[in-house]
Amino acid sequence: MVQAVNSALDNMLSMDEDVLVFGEDVGYFGGVFRTTDGLQEKHGAHRVFDTPLSEGGIAAIAFGMGLNGLKPVCEIQFADYIFPAYDQIVNEIAKLRHRSGGEFWTPVTIRTPAGGGIRGGHHHSQSPESQFTHTPGLKVVYSSTPYNAKGLLISAIESEDPVIVFEPKRCYRGPFYGDPHKVPTWSGHAEAEVPDVHYTVPIGEARLVTEGNDCTVIAWGTMVHVCEEGIRQSGASCDLIDLQSLIPWDREAVVRSVKKTGRCVIVHEAPKTSGYGAEMAASVQERCFWSLEAPVTRVTGWDTPFPHTTEWDYMPSPQRIAEAIRGTLED
C-alpha cells in the first residue's frame, strides 16, 4: 500500500502542475511511513515540501491554496493529530462552497494514516472517521487494499470537493501481526499488483469482496481483511462489502445485499458508541426493515482509549466476527 500511495502521488504530480504535496517530514525524509519517498527529489522542493509541526497551519495552508486554484495534498502524519486542524477542516474547508453559494470551492485532499496494529498506544492508533462523516461538505474515503488506495487517492485529488483519505497503517506493508503468539491471522491480501499508470476508483462505490446468501458483513480499512478470516471461521456464506467510501456511501449495494441475506453484521475498529457503524445500522433498519431476519449486529473496538499492551484484544478479531455471524444466524 505504501508503494501504491506513492505511485498515486507521483502520477498526479507528473500530470498536473497544480498538485502540491506537503506535511510533516514528507519532503526530504519521505514520510514516517515512506509514502512520499523520492517524490521531492523527482518533482522538486517547491512542489513536495515539509511544514512546521502545526496541523492547524497545514490545513489552513491547504485551504488557501485550494481557494486560489491549486490542488493541495496535505498529510496529517497520524489521524490522532488531525484534531488541532479540526476547526479549519469542518468550519472552513468543508463549508466554503455552501457559504459562497457555489461561487468558491477548495479542492483539498487530506491524507492520514489511521487505526491500530503497530503498538502505537493512545495517540497513534485511533480511527476518527465518524467525526468527519458528520460534517456536510466533506467526502470521506477509507482504503483497504493497494489497488483502492491508489485509485481512491487519485479520485480524491481530482475531485473539486475536499476529501479526507484514511489509510490503514496496519496495511501499509502487508499484514502486520505484532506478537505472533497473540495476533489472529487474516486471509486477506494487503499486497497486490497495482498498475503504474493513472486510474481511479469511484468515490461513493462499494466493493463486493465475497458473495454469499447467509449474512451481509460490512467493513472498511483493515477490518475488511479481518472479516475475510472471520467469515471463513464462521462457516457461513456471506456477502462481504468493503464500503471504501464512507461519505458518500453506496446505499444501493448495501440495501441490495441485506435484502438478499436478511442479516447484517457491521465491523469497525473505532469505539462502538457513535461509531460509523451506528449510521450504517440505522440506515439498514430504515431501508431493509421488512427483509431483516435478525437485529443488525456491530463488532467494534471498545469504548475506551486505545490501549497499548492489549491492542489485539481491543480490535475486532476473526473470532469475534465469526461469533457475531453465527449469533445472527441463530436469531
C-alpha atoms as a PDB file:
ATOM      1  CA  MET A   1       0.000   0.000   0.000  1.00  0.00           C
ATOM      2  CA  VAL A   2       2.914   2.346   0.696  1.00  0.00           C
ATOM      3  CA  GLN A   3       4.105   1.940  -2.884  1.00  0.00           C
ATOM      4  CA  ALA A   4       0.549   2.338  -4.242  1.00  0.00           C
ATOM      5  CA  VAL A   5       0.059   5.643  -2.406  1.00  0.00           C
ATOM      6  CA  ASN A   6       3.467   6.820  -3.597  1.00  0.00           C
ATOM      7  CA  SER A   7       2.556   5.877  -7.165  1.00  0.00           C
ATOM      8  CA  ALA A   8      -0.723   7.823  -6.982  1.00  0.00           C
ATOM      9  CA  LEU A   9       1.063  10.947  -5.790  1.00  0.00           C
ATOM     10  CA  ASP A  10       3.785  10.516  -8.414  1.00  0.00           C
ATOM     11  CA  ASN A  11       1.177  10.141 -11.169  1.00  0.00           C
ATOM     12  CA  MET A  12      -0.699  13.265 -10.146  1.00  0.00           C
ATOM     13  CA  LEU A  13       2.426  15.383  -9.618  1.00  0.00           C
ATOM     14  CA  SER A  14       3.563  14.364 -13.106  1.00  0.00           C
ATOM     15  CA  MET A  15       0.195  15.012 -14.768  1.00  0.00           C
ATOM     16  CA  ASP A  16      -0.896  18.248 -13.097  1.00  0.00           C
ATOM     17  CA  GLU A  17       1.445  21.083 -12.170  1.00  0.00           C
ATOM     18  CA  ASP A  18      -1.164  22.475  -9.755  1.00  0.00           C
ATOM     19  CA  VAL A  19      -0.794  19.438  -7.469  1.00  0.00           C
ATOM     20  CA  LEU A  20       1.351  20.066  -4.381  1.00  0.00           C
ATOM     21  CA  VAL A  21       2.262  17.583  -1.631  1.00  0.00           C
ATOM     22  CA  PHE A  22       3.225  18.759   1.833  1.00  0.00           C
ATOM     23  CA  GLY A  23       3.156  17.889   5.527  1.00  0.00           C
ATOM     24  CA  GLU A  24       5.426  16.972   8.400  1.00  0.00           C
ATOM     25  CA  ASP A  25       8.529  15.092   7.164  1.00  0.00           C
ATOM     26  CA  VAL A  26       7.025  14.311   3.738  1.00  0.00           C
ATOM     27  CA  GLY A  27       9.796  16.019   1.777  1.00  0.00           C
ATOM     28  CA  TYR A  28      13.465  15.130   2.262  1.00  0.00           C
ATOM     29  CA  PHE A  29      12.713  12.247   4.657  1.00  0.00           C
ATOM     30  CA  GLY A  30       9.920  10.786   2.521  1.00  0.00           C
ATOM     31  CA  GLY A  31       7.366  10.500   5.335  1.00  0.00           C
ATOM     32  CA  VAL A  32       7.435   8.450   8.513  1.00  0.00           C
ATOM     33  CA  PHE A  33       5.873   5.530   6.609  1.00  0.00           C
ATOM     34  CA  ARG A  34       7.852   6.337   3.418  1.00  0.00           C
ATOM     35  CA  THR A  35       4.723   7.031   1.379  1.00  0.00           C
ATOM     36  CA  THR A  36       6.339  10.109  -0.186  1.00  0.00           C
ATOM     37  CA  ASP A  37       9.809   8.606  -0.594  1.00  0.00           C
ATOM     38  CA  GLY A  38      11.662  10.043  -3.588  1.00  0.00           C
ATOM     39  CA  LEU A  39       8.948  12.496  -4.598  1.00  0.00           C
ATOM     40  CA  GLN A  40      10.807  15.641  -3.542  1.00  0.00           C
ATOM     41  CA  GLU A  41      13.927  14.563  -5.401  1.00  0.00           C
ATOM     42  CA  LYS A  42      11.884  13.887  -8.546  1.00  0.00           C
ATOM     43  CA  HIS A  43       9.447  16.809  -8.508  1.00  0.00           C
ATOM     44  CA  GLY A  44      11.354  19.465  -6.577  1.00  0.00           C
ATOM     45  CA  ALA A  45      11.173  21.016  -3.116  1.00  0.00           C
ATOM     46  CA  HIS A  46       8.776  23.692  -4.381  1.00  0.00           C
ATOM     47  CA  ARG A  47       6.102  21.007  -5.000  1.00  0.00           C
ATOM     48  CA  VAL A  48       6.888  18.417  -2.305  1.00  0.00           C
ATOM     49  CA  PHE A  49       7.874  20.129   0.910  1.00  0.00           C
ATOM     50  CA  ASP A  50       7.983  19.909   4.688  1.00  0.00           C
ATOM     51  CA  THR A  51       5.850  22.010   7.014  1.00  0.00           C
ATOM     52  CA  PRO A  52       6.188  23.033  10.657  1.00  0.00           C
ATOM     53  CA  LEU A  53       4.628  20.802  13.323  1.00  0.00           C
ATOM     54  CA  SER A  54       1.282  22.565  13.111  1.00  0.00           C
ATOM     55  CA  GLU A  55      -1.692  20.589  11.856  1.00  0.00           C
ATOM     56  CA  GLY A  56      -3.936  23.644  12.016  1.00  0.00           C
ATOM     57  CA  GLY A  57      -1.416  25.509   9.912  1.00  0.00           C
ATOM     58  CA  ILE A  58      -1.168  22.650   7.408  1.00  0.00           C
ATOM     59  CA  ALA A  59      -4.948  22.625   6.896  1.00  0.00           C
ATOM     60  CA  ALA A  60      -5.091  26.430   6.695  1.00  0.00           C
ATOM     61  CA  ILE A  61      -2.342  26.486   4.044  1.00  0.00           C
ATOM     62  CA  ALA A  62      -4.211  23.818   2.058  1.00  0.00           C
ATOM     63  CA  PHE A  63      -7.424  25.832   2.328  1.00  0.00           C
ATOM     64  CA  GLY A  64      -5.793  28.943   0.902  1.00  0.00           C
ATOM     65  CA  MET A  65      -4.045  27.017  -1.868  1.00  0.00           C
ATOM     66  CA  GLY A  66      -7.245  25.311  -2.963  1.00  0.00           C
ATOM     67  CA  LEU A  67      -9.146  28.588  -2.887  1.00  0.00           C
ATOM     68  CA  ASN A  68      -6.586  30.051  -5.281  1.00  0.00           C
ATOM     69  CA  GLY A  69      -6.719  27.302  -7.878  1.00  0.00           C
ATOM     70  CA  LEU A  70      -4.105  24.814  -6.683  1.00  0.00           C
ATOM     71  CA  LYS A  71      -4.709  21.159  -5.762  1.00  0.00           C
ATOM     72  CA  PRO A  72      -3.074  20.671  -2.372  1.00  0.00           C
ATOM     73  CA  VAL A  73      -2.492  17.182  -0.992  1.00  0.00           C
ATOM     74  CA  CYS A  74      -1.534  17.511   2.640  1.00  0.00           C
ATOM     75  CA  GLU A  75      -0.586  14.772   5.048  1.00  0.00           C
ATOM     76  CA  ILE A  76      -1.533  14.655   8.717  1.00  0.00           C
ATOM     77  CA  GLN A  77       1.173  12.332   9.998  1.00  0.00           C
ATOM     78  CA  PHE A  78      -1.208  10.328  12.223  1.00  0.00           C
ATOM     79  CA  ALA A  79      -5.009  10.570  12.269  1.00  0.00           C
ATOM     80  CA  ASP A  80      -4.792  11.133  16.016  1.00  0.00           C
ATOM     81  CA  TYR A  81      -3.208  14.529  15.324  1.00  0.00           C
ATOM     82  CA  ILE A  82      -5.874  15.741  12.944  1.00  0.00           C
ATOM     83  CA  PHE A  83      -7.809  17.337  15.809  1.00  0.00           C
ATOM     84  CA  PRO A  84      -5.720  20.559  16.001  1.00  0.00           C
ATOM     85  CA  ALA A  85      -6.831  21.041  12.373  1.00  0.00           C
ATOM     86  CA  TYR A  86     -10.470  20.206  13.109  1.00  0.00           C
ATOM     87  CA  ASP A  87     -11.721  23.781  13.085  1.00  0.00           C
ATOM     88  CA  GLN A  88     -10.051  24.558   9.759  1.00  0.00           C
ATOM     89  CA  ILE A  89     -11.432  21.364   8.210  1.00  0.00           C
ATOM     90  CA  VAL A  90     -15.036  21.421   9.423  1.00  0.00           C
ATOM     91  CA  ASN A  91     -15.671  25.165   9.697  1.00  0.00           C
ATOM     92  CA  GLU A  92     -13.654  26.496   6.762  1.00  0.00           C
ATOM     93  CA  ILE A  93     -12.728  23.862   4.189  1.00  0.00           C
ATOM     94  CA  ALA A  94     -16.000  21.901   4.365  1.00  0.00           C
ATOM     95  CA  LYS A  95     -18.268  24.952   4.273  1.00  0.00           C
ATOM     96  CA  LEU A  96     -16.721  27.238   1.671  1.00  0.00           C
ATOM     97  CA  ARG A  97     -18.806  26.057  -1.305  1.00  0.00           C
ATOM     98  CA  HIS A  98     -22.039  26.416   0.699  1.00  0.00           C
ATOM     99  CA  ARG A  99     -21.103  29.730   2.327  1.00  0.00           C
ATOM    100  CA  SER A 100     -20.289  31.255  -1.060  1.00  0.00           C
ATOM    101  CA  GLY A 101     -23.369  29.918  -2.835  1.00  0.00           C
ATOM    102  CA  GLY A 102     -21.157  27.815  -5.070  1.00  0.00           C
ATOM    103  CA  GLU A 103     -19.002  30.756  -6.143  1.00  0.00           C
ATOM    104  CA  PHE A 104     -15.843  29.414  -4.477  1.00  0.00           C
ATOM    105  CA  TRP A 105     -14.556  25.971  -3.587  1.00  0.00           C
ATOM    106  CA  THR A 106     -11.340  24.441  -2.329  1.00  0.00           C
ATOM    107  CA  PRO A 107     -10.298  21.011  -3.655  1.00  0.00           C
ATOM    108  CA  VAL A 108      -8.215  19.952  -0.671  1.00  0.00           C
ATOM    109  CA  THR A 109      -7.089  16.342  -0.204  1.00  0.00           C
ATOM    110  CA  ILE A 110      -6.086  15.369   3.327  1.00  0.00           C
ATOM    111  CA  ARG A 111      -4.256  12.047   3.701  1.00  0.00           C
ATOM    112  CA  THR A 112      -3.839  10.498   7.116  1.00  0.00           C
ATOM    113  CA  PRO A 113      -2.811   7.054   8.457  1.00  0.00           C
ATOM    114  CA  ALA A 114      -5.371   5.609  10.877  1.00  0.00           C
ATOM    115  CA  GLY A 115      -6.044   2.567  13.016  1.00  0.00           C
ATOM    116  CA  GLY A 116      -4.047   0.294  15.262  1.00  0.00           C
ATOM    117  CA  GLY A 117      -1.814  -2.703  14.876  1.00  0.00           C
ATOM    118  CA  ILE A 118       1.579  -1.049  15.257  1.00  0.00           C
ATOM    119  CA  ARG A 119       1.694  -0.757  19.070  1.00  0.00           C
ATOM    120  CA  GLY A 120       1.153   2.978  18.813  1.00  0.00           C
ATOM    121  CA  GLY A 121      -0.861   3.366  22.010  1.00  0.00           C
ATOM    122  CA  HIS A 122      -3.351   6.135  22.728  1.00  0.00           C
ATOM    123  CA  HIS A 123      -2.077   8.761  20.310  1.00  0.00           C
ATOM    124  CA  HIS A 124      -1.029   6.791  17.237  1.00  0.00           C
ATOM    125  CA  SER A 125      -3.831   4.239  16.811  1.00  0.00           C
ATOM    126  CA  GLN A 126      -7.227   5.941  16.665  1.00  0.00           C
ATOM    127  CA  SER A 127      -9.842   5.734  13.917  1.00  0.00           C
ATOM    128  CA  PRO A 128     -11.692   9.086  13.918  1.00  0.00           C
ATOM    129  CA  GLU A 129     -13.584   8.671  10.649  1.00  0.00           C
ATOM    130  CA  SER A 130     -17.044   9.095  12.181  1.00  0.00           C
ATOM    131  CA  GLN A 131     -16.183  12.591  13.420  1.00  0.00           C
ATOM    132  CA  PHE A 132     -15.795  13.751   9.814  1.00  0.00           C
ATOM    133  CA  THR A 133     -18.676  11.822   8.269  1.00  0.00           C
ATOM    134  CA  HIS A 134     -20.889  14.049  10.442  1.00  0.00           C
ATOM    135  CA  THR A 135     -19.727  17.162   8.546  1.00  0.00           C
ATOM    136  CA  PRO A 136     -21.644  18.107   5.373  1.00  0.00           C
ATOM    137  CA  GLY A 137     -19.292  19.304   2.651  1.00  0.00           C
ATOM    138  CA  LEU A 138     -16.614  16.677   3.201  1.00  0.00           C
ATOM    139  CA  LYS A 139     -16.078  13.445   1.345  1.00  0.00           C
ATOM    140  CA  VAL A 140     -14.518  10.647   3.390  1.00  0.00           C
ATOM    141  CA  VAL A 141     -12.838   7.537   1.972  1.00  0.00           C
ATOM    142  CA  TYR A 142     -11.036   4.666   3.695  1.00  0.00           C
ATOM    143  CA  SER A 143      -8.793   2.379   1.651  1.00  0.00           C
ATOM    144  CA  SER A 144      -8.213  -1.312   2.362  1.00  0.00           C
ATOM    145  CA  THR A 145      -6.025  -2.616  -0.469  1.00  0.00           C
ATOM    146  CA  PRO A 146      -3.129  -1.256  -2.529  1.00  0.00           C
ATOM    147  CA  TYR A 147      -5.393  -1.064  -5.579  1.00  0.00           C
ATOM    148  CA  ASN A 148      -8.128   1.053  -3.993  1.00  0.00           C
ATOM    149  CA  ALA A 149      -5.573   3.069  -2.006  1.00  0.00           C
ATOM    150  CA  LYS A 150      -4.155   4.390  -5.282  1.00  0.00           C
ATOM    151  CA  GLY A 151      -7.463   4.684  -7.128  1.00  0.00           C
ATOM    152  CA  LEU A 152      -9.298   6.441  -4.303  1.00  0.00           C
ATOM    153  CA  LEU A 153      -6.423   8.861  -3.722  1.00  0.00           C
ATOM    154  CA  ILE A 154      -6.333   9.859  -7.389  1.00  0.00           C
ATOM    155  CA  SER A 155     -10.126  10.317  -7.357  1.00  0.00           C
ATOM    156  CA  ALA A 156      -9.786  12.484  -4.251  1.00  0.00           C
ATOM    157  CA  ILE A 157      -7.118  14.701  -5.812  1.00  0.00           C
ATOM    158  CA  GLU A 158      -9.185  15.105  -8.986  1.00  0.00           C
ATOM    159  CA  SER A 159     -12.357  15.941  -7.040  1.00  0.00           C
ATOM    160  CA  GLU A 160     -13.413  19.578  -6.726  1.00  0.00           C
ATOM    161  CA  ASP A 161     -14.628  18.849  -3.196  1.00  0.00           C
ATOM    162  CA  PRO A 162     -12.480  18.422  -0.083  1.00  0.00           C
ATOM    163  CA  VAL A 163     -11.743  14.764   0.645  1.00  0.00           C
ATOM    164  CA  ILE A 164     -10.263  13.111   3.724  1.00  0.00           C
ATOM    165  CA  VAL A 165      -8.408   9.929   2.795  1.00  0.00           C
ATOM    166  CA  PHE A 166      -7.887   7.496   5.659  1.00  0.00           C
ATOM    167  CA  GLU A 167      -5.171   4.904   5.095  1.00  0.00           C
ATOM    168  CA  PRO A 168      -4.910   1.910   7.474  1.00  0.00           C
ATOM    169  CA  LYS A 169      -1.307   1.902   8.612  1.00  0.00           C
ATOM    170  CA  ARG A 170      -1.572  -1.799   9.523  1.00  0.00           C
ATOM    171  CA  CYS A 171      -1.927  -2.500   5.779  1.00  0.00           C
ATOM    172  CA  TYR A 172       0.881  -0.238   4.600  1.00  0.00           C
ATOM    173  CA  ARG A 173       3.332  -3.099   4.162  1.00  0.00           C
ATOM    174  CA  GLY A 174       1.027  -6.083   4.128  1.00  0.00           C
ATOM    175  CA  PRO A 175      -0.423  -7.864   7.173  1.00  0.00           C
ATOM    176  CA  PHE A 176       1.229  -6.673  10.377  1.00  0.00           C
ATOM    177  CA  TYR A 177       0.951  -9.324  13.042  1.00  0.00           C
ATOM    178  CA  GLY A 178       2.922  -7.936  16.001  1.00  0.00           C
ATOM    179  CA  ASP A 179       3.181 -10.702  18.595  1.00  0.00           C
ATOM    180  CA  PRO A 180       2.809 -13.930  16.556  1.00  0.00           C
ATOM    181  CA  HIS A 181       1.566 -15.772  19.634  1.00  0.00           C
ATOM    182  CA  LYS A 182      -1.395 -13.443  20.180  1.00  0.00           C
ATOM    183  CA  VAL A 183      -2.360 -11.996  16.823  1.00  0.00           C
ATOM    184  CA  PRO A 184      -5.007 -13.839  14.776  1.00  0.00           C
ATOM    185  CA  THR A 185      -4.011 -14.162  11.143  1.00  0.00           C
ATOM    186  CA  TRP A 186      -6.206 -12.983   8.308  1.00  0.00           C
ATOM    187  CA  SER A 187      -6.695 -14.364   4.834  1.00  0.00           C
ATOM    188  CA  GLY A 188      -6.804 -11.026   3.036  1.00  0.00           C
ATOM    189  CA  HIS A 189      -4.366  -9.619   0.539  1.00  0.00           C
ATOM    190  CA  ALA A 190      -2.820  -6.350   1.657  1.00  0.00           C
ATOM    191  CA  GLU A 191      -0.180  -6.880  -1.015  1.00  0.00           C
ATOM    192  CA  ALA A 192      -1.202  -6.914  -4.688  1.00  0.00           C
ATOM    193  CA  GLU A 193      -0.176  -5.944  -8.188  1.00  0.00           C
ATOM    194  CA  VAL A 194      -1.059  -2.314  -8.881  1.00  0.00           C
ATOM    195  CA  PRO A 195      -0.775  -0.610 -12.296  1.00  0.00           C
ATOM    196  CA  ASP A 196       1.877   2.090 -12.553  1.00  0.00           C
ATOM    197  CA  VAL A 197      -0.437   4.162 -14.742  1.00  0.00           C
ATOM    198  CA  HIS A 198      -3.189   6.578 -13.755  1.00  0.00           C
ATOM    199  CA  TYR A 199      -6.555   5.017 -12.825  1.00  0.00           C
ATOM    200  CA  THR A 200      -9.400   5.862 -10.458  1.00  0.00           C
ATOM    201  CA  VAL A 201     -11.686   4.075  -8.027  1.00  0.00           C
ATOM    202  CA  PRO A 202     -15.015   5.968  -7.933  1.00  0.00           C
ATOM    203  CA  ILE A 203     -15.832   7.734  -4.677  1.00  0.00           C
ATOM    204  CA  GLY A 204     -19.209   6.504  -3.443  1.00  0.00           C
ATOM    205  CA  GLU A 205     -18.948   2.976  -4.815  1.00  0.00           C
ATOM    206  CA  ALA A 206     -18.571  -0.074  -2.553  1.00  0.00           C
ATOM    207  CA  ARG A 207     -16.623  -3.229  -3.421  1.00  0.00           C
ATOM    208  CA  LEU A 208     -18.127  -6.709  -3.099  1.00  0.00           C
ATOM    209  CA  VAL A 209     -15.245  -8.791  -1.732  1.00  0.00           C
ATOM    210  CA  THR A 210     -17.023 -12.120  -1.293  1.00  0.00           C
ATOM    211  CA  GLU A 211     -20.520 -13.243  -2.202  1.00  0.00           C
ATOM    212  CA  GLY A 212     -22.928 -15.380  -0.182  1.00  0.00           C
ATOM    213  CA  ASN A 213     -26.507 -15.800   0.962  1.00  0.00           C
ATOM    214  CA  ASP A 214     -26.462 -16.171   4.761  1.00  0.00           C
ATOM    215  CA  CYS A 215     -25.387 -12.745   6.014  1.00  0.00           C
ATOM    216  CA  THR A 216     -24.109  -9.349   4.872  1.00  0.00           C
ATOM    217  CA  VAL A 217     -20.864  -8.198   6.512  1.00  0.00           C
ATOM    218  CA  ILE A 218     -19.911  -4.533   6.091  1.00  0.00           C
ATOM    219  CA  ALA A 219     -16.416  -3.219   6.850  1.00  0.00           C
ATOM    220  CA  TRP A 220     -13.708  -0.793   5.691  1.00  0.00           C
ATOM    221  CA  GLY A 221      -9.960  -0.447   6.080  1.00  0.00           C
ATOM    222  CA  THR A 222      -8.028  -3.199   7.832  1.00  0.00           C
ATOM    223  CA  MET A 223     -11.227  -4.805   9.059  1.00  0.00           C
ATOM    224  CA  VAL A 224     -12.057  -5.958   5.524  1.00  0.00           C
ATOM    225  CA  HIS A 225      -9.177  -8.432   5.729  1.00  0.00           C
ATOM    226  CA  VAL A 226     -10.007  -9.470   9.272  1.00  0.00           C
ATOM    227  CA  CYS A 227     -13.621 -10.051   8.204  1.00  0.00           C
ATOM    228  CA  GLU A 228     -12.484 -12.376   5.418  1.00  0.00           C
ATOM    229  CA  GLU A 229     -10.906 -14.621   8.020  1.00  0.00           C
ATOM    230  CA  GLY A 230     -13.873 -14.202  10.377  1.00  0.00           C
ATOM    231  CA  ILE A 231     -16.272 -15.327   7.659  1.00  0.00           C
ATOM    232  CA  ARG A 232     -14.085 -18.355   6.942  1.00  0.00           C
ATOM    233  CA  GLN A 233     -14.073 -19.305  10.630  1.00  0.00           C
ATOM    234  CA  SER A 234     -17.850 -18.858  10.907  1.00  0.00           C
ATOM    235  CA  GLY A 235     -18.522 -21.407   8.175  1.00  0.00           C
ATOM    236  CA  ALA A 236     -21.253 -19.129   6.783  1.00  0.00           C
ATOM    237  CA  SER A 237     -21.838 -17.945   3.234  1.00  0.00           C
ATOM    238  CA  CYS A 238     -21.575 -14.147   3.385  1.00  0.00           C
ATOM    239  CA  ASP A 239     -21.573 -11.058   1.246  1.00  0.00           C
ATOM    240  CA  LEU A 240     -18.568  -9.039   2.399  1.00  0.00           C
ATOM    241  CA  ILE A 241     -18.886  -5.386   1.411  1.00  0.00           C
ATOM    242  CA  ASP A 242     -15.840  -3.143   1.546  1.00  0.00           C
ATOM    243  CA  LEU A 243     -17.531   0.227   1.853  1.00  0.00           C
ATOM    244  CA  GLN A 244     -14.405   2.103   0.588  1.00  0.00           C
ATOM    245  CA  SER A 245     -16.274   5.410   0.609  1.00  0.00           C
ATOM    246  CA  LEU A 246     -17.986   6.476   3.834  1.00  0.00           C
ATOM    247  CA  ILE A 247     -19.358   9.789   2.540  1.00  0.00           C
ATOM    248  CA  PRO A 248     -20.952   9.394   0.075  1.00  0.00           C
ATOM    249  CA  TRP A 249     -21.654   5.705   0.672  1.00  0.00           C
ATOM    250  CA  ASP A 250     -23.081   3.083  -1.646  1.00  0.00           C
ATOM    251  CA  ARG A 251     -26.632   2.697  -0.359  1.00  0.00           C
ATOM    252  CA  GLU A 252     -27.733   0.601  -3.309  1.00  0.00           C
ATOM    253  CA  ALA A 253     -25.061  -2.043  -2.791  1.00  0.00           C
ATOM    254  CA  VAL A 254     -25.754  -2.315   0.944  1.00  0.00           C
ATOM    255  CA  VAL A 255     -29.546  -2.427   0.605  1.00  0.00           C
ATOM    256  CA  ARG A 256     -29.409  -4.937  -2.231  1.00  0.00           C
ATOM    257  CA  SER A 257     -27.206  -7.262  -0.204  1.00  0.00           C
ATOM    258  CA  VAL A 258     -29.158  -7.044   3.074  1.00  0.00           C
ATOM    259  CA  LYS A 259     -32.480  -7.594   1.313  1.00  0.00           C
ATOM    260  CA  LYS A 260     -30.954 -10.729  -0.180  1.00  0.00           C
ATOM    261  CA  THR A 261     -29.422 -12.163   3.028  1.00  0.00           C
ATOM    262  CA  GLY A 262     -31.806 -10.781   5.686  1.00  0.00           C
ATOM    263  CA  ARG A 263     -28.940 -10.386   8.164  1.00  0.00           C
ATOM    264  CA  CYS A 264     -26.239  -7.785   8.704  1.00  0.00           C
ATOM    265  CA  VAL A 265     -23.003  -7.550  10.732  1.00  0.00           C
ATOM    266  CA  ILE A 266     -21.050  -4.277  10.712  1.00  0.00           C
ATOM    267  CA  VAL A 267     -17.391  -4.240  11.744  1.00  0.00           C
ATOM    268  CA  HIS A 268     -15.119  -1.302  12.535  1.00  0.00           C
ATOM    269  CA  GLU A 269     -12.054  -0.630  14.649  1.00  0.00           C
ATOM    270  CA  ALA A 270     -13.260   2.607  16.248  1.00  0.00           C
ATOM    271  CA  PRO A 271     -15.232   2.615  19.526  1.00  0.00           C
ATOM    272  CA  LYS A 272     -18.828   1.441  19.336  1.00  0.00           C
ATOM    273  CA  THR A 273     -20.671   4.460  20.723  1.00  0.00           C
ATOM    274  CA  SER A 274     -21.387   6.951  17.915  1.00  0.00           C
ATOM    275  CA  GLY A 275     -19.139   4.986  15.569  1.00  0.00           C
ATOM    276  CA  TYR A 276     -19.913   4.978  11.859  1.00  0.00           C
ATOM    277  CA  GLY A 277     -21.424   1.529  12.273  1.00  0.00           C
ATOM    278  CA  ALA A 278     -24.333   3.157  14.114  1.00  0.00           C
ATOM    279  CA  GLU A 279     -25.163   5.162  10.983  1.00  0.00           C
ATOM    280  CA  MET A 280     -24.939   2.002   8.902  1.00  0.00           C
ATOM    281  CA  ALA A 281     -27.188   0.092  11.313  1.00  0.00           C
ATOM    282  CA  ALA A 282     -29.819   2.833  11.349  1.00  0.00           C
ATOM    283  CA  SER A 283     -29.744   3.137   7.565  1.00  0.00           C
ATOM    284  CA  VAL A 284     -30.098  -0.627   7.101  1.00  0.00           C
ATOM    285  CA  GLN A 285     -33.023  -0.712   9.523  1.00  0.00           C
ATOM    286  CA  GLU A 286     -34.755   2.168   7.731  1.00  0.00           C
ATOM    287  CA  ARG A 287     -34.364   0.660   4.281  1.00  0.00           C
ATOM    288  CA  CYS A 288     -34.465  -3.088   4.924  1.00  0.00           C
ATOM    289  CA  PHE A 289     -36.773  -3.491   7.927  1.00  0.00           C
ATOM    290  CA  TRP A 290     -39.162  -5.938   6.287  1.00  0.00           C
ATOM    291  CA  SER A 291     -36.307  -8.079   4.994  1.00  0.00           C
ATOM    292  CA  LEU A 292     -34.392  -8.408   8.273  1.00  0.00           C
ATOM    293  CA  GLU A 293     -34.492 -11.822   9.946  1.00  0.00           C
ATOM    294  CA  ALA A 294     -32.376 -10.721  12.935  1.00  0.00           C
ATOM    295  CA  PRO A 295     -31.189  -7.496  14.596  1.00  0.00           C
ATOM    296  CA  VAL A 296     -28.283  -5.693  12.952  1.00  0.00           C
ATOM    297  CA  THR A 297     -25.089  -6.532  14.885  1.00  0.00           C
ATOM    298  CA  ARG A 298     -21.966  -4.420  15.392  1.00  0.00           C
ATOM    299  CA  VAL A 299     -18.463  -5.703  16.156  1.00  0.00           C
ATOM    300  CA  THR A 300     -16.198  -2.813  17.134  1.00  0.00           C
ATOM    301  CA  GLY A 301     -13.432  -1.524  19.331  1.00  0.00           C
ATOM    302  CA  TRP A 302     -14.287  -0.906  22.969  1.00  0.00           C
ATOM    303  CA  ASP A 303     -15.491   2.400  24.426  1.00  0.00           C
ATOM    304  CA  THR A 304     -12.091   3.117  25.951  1.00  0.00           C
ATOM    305  CA  PRO A 305      -8.964   4.989  24.889  1.00  0.00           C
ATOM    306  CA  PHE A 306      -6.970   2.844  22.503  1.00  0.00           C
ATOM    307  CA  PRO A 307      -4.691   0.629  24.652  1.00  0.00           C
ATOM    308  CA  HIS A 308      -1.030  -0.134  24.089  1.00  0.00           C
ATOM    309  CA  THR A 309      -0.289  -3.542  25.557  1.00  0.00           C
ATOM    310  CA  THR A 310      -3.730  -5.038  24.850  1.00  0.00           C
ATOM    311  CA  GLU A 311      -4.429  -3.584  21.405  1.00  0.00           C
ATOM    312  CA  TRP A 312      -5.066  -7.016  19.875  1.00  0.00           C
ATOM    313  CA  ASP A 313      -7.826  -7.609  22.431  1.00  0.00           C
ATOM    314  CA  TYR A 314      -9.267  -4.179  21.645  1.00  0.00           C
ATOM    315  CA  MET A 315      -9.500  -4.532  17.883  1.00  0.00           C
ATOM    316  CA  PRO A 316     -12.155  -6.835  16.380  1.00  0.00           C
ATOM    317  CA  SER A 317     -10.678 -10.271  15.765  1.00  0.00           C
ATOM    318  CA  PRO A 318     -11.743 -13.013  13.348  1.00  0.00           C
ATOM    319  CA  GLN A 319     -13.071 -14.940  16.348  1.00  0.00           C
ATOM    320  CA  ARG A 320     -15.320 -12.079  17.498  1.00  0.00           C
ATOM    321  CA  ILE A 321     -16.573 -11.564  13.957  1.00  0.00           C
ATOM    322  CA  ALA A 322     -17.256 -15.272  13.483  1.00  0.00           C
ATOM    323  CA  GLU A 323     -19.215 -15.360  16.750  1.00  0.00           C
ATOM    324  CA  ALA A 324     -21.305 -12.376  15.640  1.00  0.00           C
ATOM    325  CA  ILE A 325     -22.109 -14.014  12.300  1.00  0.00           C
ATOM    326  CA  ARG A 326     -23.085 -17.295  13.941  1.00  0.00           C
ATOM    327  CA  GLY A 327     -25.120 -15.396  16.535  1.00  0.00           C
ATOM    328  CA  THR A 328     -27.161 -13.513  13.949  1.00  0.00           C
ATOM    329  CA  LEU A 329     -27.808 -16.761  12.074  1.00  0.00           C
ATOM    330  CA  GLU A 330     -29.216 -18.318  15.254  1.00  0.00           C
ATOM    331  CA  ASP A 331     -31.738 -15.495  15.855  1.00  0.00           C
END
